Amino acid sequence: MADNKVQLPGGFGGLTRFSEEYTSKIKLKPLHIIVFIILIIIFRVFLGVYYS
């Protein structure tokens, strides 16, 4: 009988491994995003009232 073994390349088997943990340079809390959106809405309403 023939020996039917599968030969895989060394390392990660052709897969590329990236860093598991990504650290962003800009760190924003969810509260900051909500406040920023509210400020944009208030500014938009102000422009609509002032320039109409």
N, C-alpha and C. Protein backbone atom coordinates (compact mmCIF):
# COMPACT_ATOMS: atom_id res chain seq x y z
N MET A 1 0.82 -1.18 0.00
CA MET A 1 0.00 0.00 0.00
C MET A 1 0.87 1.24 0.00
N ALA A 2 0.36 2.25 -0.67
CA ALA A 2 1.08 3.51 -0.72
C ALA A 2 0.80 4.32 0.54
N ASP A 3 1.78 5.10 0.93
CA ASP A 3 1.65 5.96 2.10
C ASP A 3 1.04 7.30 1.66
N ASN A 4 -0.24 7.55 2.01
CA ASN A 4 -0.95 8.75 1.56
C ASN A 4 -0.98 9.81 2.66
N LYS A 5 0.14 10.46 2.91
CA LYS A 5 0.20 11.54 3.89
C LYS A 5 0.09 12.88 3.18
N VAL A 6 -0.58 13.79 3.81
CA VAL A 6 -0.72 15.14 3.27
C VAL A 6 0.44 15.97 3.79
N GLN A 7 1.13 16.64 2.89
CA GLN A 7 2.26 17.49 3.26
C GLN A 7 1.81 18.95 3.24
N LEU A 8 1.90 19.63 4.39
CA LEU A 8 1.57 21.05 4.49
C LEU A 8 2.86 21.86 4.55
N PRO A 9 2.81 23.06 4.01
CA PRO A 9 3.99 23.92 4.12
C PRO A 9 4.25 24.31 5.58
N GLY A 10 5.46 24.67 5.88
CA GLY A 10 5.81 25.04 7.24
C GLY A 10 5.16 26.37 7.64
N GLY A 11 5.23 26.68 8.90
CA GLY A 11 4.67 27.94 9.39
C GLY A 11 3.18 27.83 9.65
N PHE A 12 2.42 28.75 9.09
CA PHE A 12 0.99 28.81 9.34
C PHE A 12 0.18 28.17 8.23
N GLY A 13 0.77 27.38 7.42
CA GLY A 13 0.03 26.71 6.36
C GLY A 13 -0.46 27.67 5.29
N GLY A 14 0.29 28.73 5.02
CA GLY A 14 -0.09 29.69 4.00
C GLY A 14 -0.99 30.80 4.49
N LEU A 15 -1.36 30.78 5.75
CA LEU A 15 -2.21 31.82 6.31
C LEU A 15 -1.36 32.95 6.87
N THR A 16 -1.84 34.16 6.71
CA THR A 16 -1.14 35.31 7.26
C THR A 16 -1.73 35.64 8.62
N ARG A 17 -0.89 35.82 9.58
CA ARG A 17 -1.36 36.12 10.93
C ARG A 17 -1.11 37.60 11.24
N PHE A 18 -2.17 38.29 11.64
CA PHE A 18 -2.07 39.69 11.99
C PHE A 18 -2.12 39.82 13.51
N SER A 19 -1.82 41.01 13.97
CA SER A 19 -1.84 41.26 15.41
C SER A 19 -3.24 40.99 15.96
N GLU A 20 -3.33 40.31 17.05
CA GLU A 20 -4.61 39.95 17.64
C GLU A 20 -5.32 41.17 18.21
N GLU A 21 -4.55 42.11 18.73
CA GLU A 21 -5.15 43.25 19.40
C GLU A 21 -4.77 44.53 18.67
N TYR A 22 -5.79 45.28 18.23
CA TYR A 22 -5.56 46.52 17.52
C TYR A 22 -5.76 47.68 18.47
N THR A 23 -4.80 48.59 18.54
CA THR A 23 -4.94 49.76 19.39
C THR A 23 -5.01 50.99 18.50
N SER A 24 -6.09 51.72 18.66
CA SER A 24 -6.32 52.93 17.86
C SER A 24 -5.62 54.11 18.52
N LYS A 25 -5.20 55.07 17.71
CA LYS A 25 -4.58 56.27 18.24
C LYS A 25 -5.63 57.23 18.79
N ILE A 26 -6.86 57.14 18.28
CA ILE A 26 -7.95 57.98 18.74
C ILE A 26 -8.86 57.13 19.62
N LYS A 27 -8.99 57.51 20.87
CA LYS A 27 -9.83 56.75 21.80
C LYS A 27 -11.00 57.63 22.22
N LEU A 28 -12.20 57.23 21.84
CA LEU A 28 -13.41 57.97 22.18
C LEU A 28 -14.35 57.08 22.98
N LYS A 29 -14.93 57.67 24.00
CA LYS A 29 -15.93 56.96 24.77
C LYS A 29 -17.28 57.11 24.08
N PRO A 30 -18.20 56.19 24.29
CA PRO A 30 -19.53 56.31 23.67
C PRO A 30 -20.25 57.60 24.06
N LEU A 31 -20.03 58.08 25.27
CA LEU A 31 -20.65 59.33 25.71
C LEU A 31 -20.18 60.51 24.84
N HIS A 32 -18.91 60.51 24.47
CA HIS A 32 -18.39 61.59 23.62
C HIS A 32 -19.07 61.58 22.26
N ILE A 33 -19.31 60.42 21.71
CA ILE A 33 -19.97 60.31 20.41
C ILE A 33 -21.40 60.84 20.50
N ILE A 34 -22.12 60.47 21.55
CA ILE A 34 -23.51 60.92 21.72
C ILE A 34 -23.57 62.43 21.87
N VAL A 35 -22.68 63.02 22.68
CA VAL A 35 -22.64 64.47 22.87
C VAL A 35 -22.31 65.16 21.55
N PHE A 36 -21.39 64.62 20.79
CA PHE A 36 -21.02 65.21 19.50
C PHE A 36 -22.20 65.21 18.53
N ILE A 37 -22.94 64.12 18.49
CA ILE A 37 -24.11 64.03 17.60
C ILE A 37 -25.19 65.03 18.04
N ILE A 38 -25.40 65.16 19.34
CA ILE A 38 -26.39 66.12 19.84
C ILE A 38 -25.98 67.54 19.49
N LEU A 39 -24.70 67.86 19.61
CA LEU A 39 -24.23 69.19 19.23
C LEU A 39 -24.43 69.47 17.74
N ILE A 40 -24.21 68.49 16.91
CA ILE A 40 -24.43 68.66 15.47
C ILE A 40 -25.91 68.91 15.19
N ILE A 41 -26.80 68.19 15.87
CA ILE A 41 -28.25 68.38 15.68
C ILE A 41 -28.66 69.78 16.13
N ILE A 42 -28.17 70.23 17.27
CA ILE A 42 -28.49 71.58 17.76
C ILE A 42 -27.99 72.64 16.79
N PHE A 43 -26.78 72.45 16.28
CA PHE A 43 -26.21 73.41 15.32
C PHE A 43 -27.04 73.45 14.04
N ARG A 44 -27.50 72.30 13.58
CA ARG A 44 -28.31 72.22 12.36
C ARG A 44 -29.66 72.91 12.56
N VAL A 45 -30.28 72.70 13.72
CA VAL A 45 -31.55 73.37 14.01
C VAL A 45 -31.34 74.88 14.10
N PHE A 46 -30.26 75.31 14.72
CA PHE A 46 -29.95 76.73 14.81
C PHE A 46 -29.79 77.35 13.43
N LEU A 47 -29.09 76.69 12.53
CA LEU A 47 -28.93 77.21 11.18
C LEU A 47 -30.26 77.28 10.46
N GLY A 48 -31.11 76.29 10.64
CA GLY A 48 -32.43 76.30 10.00
C GLY A 48 -33.30 77.44 10.49
N VAL A 49 -33.24 77.75 11.78
CA VAL A 49 -34.05 78.83 12.35
C VAL A 49 -33.47 80.19 11.98
N TYR A 50 -32.17 80.33 12.06
CA TYR A 50 -31.51 81.61 11.84
C TYR A 50 -31.52 82.04 10.37
N TYR A 51 -31.36 81.12 9.45
CA TYR A 51 -31.25 81.47 8.04
C TYR A 51 -32.53 81.23 7.23
N SER A 52 -33.67 80.96 7.89
CA SER A 52 -34.90 80.76 7.12
C SER A 52 -35.71 82.03 6.99
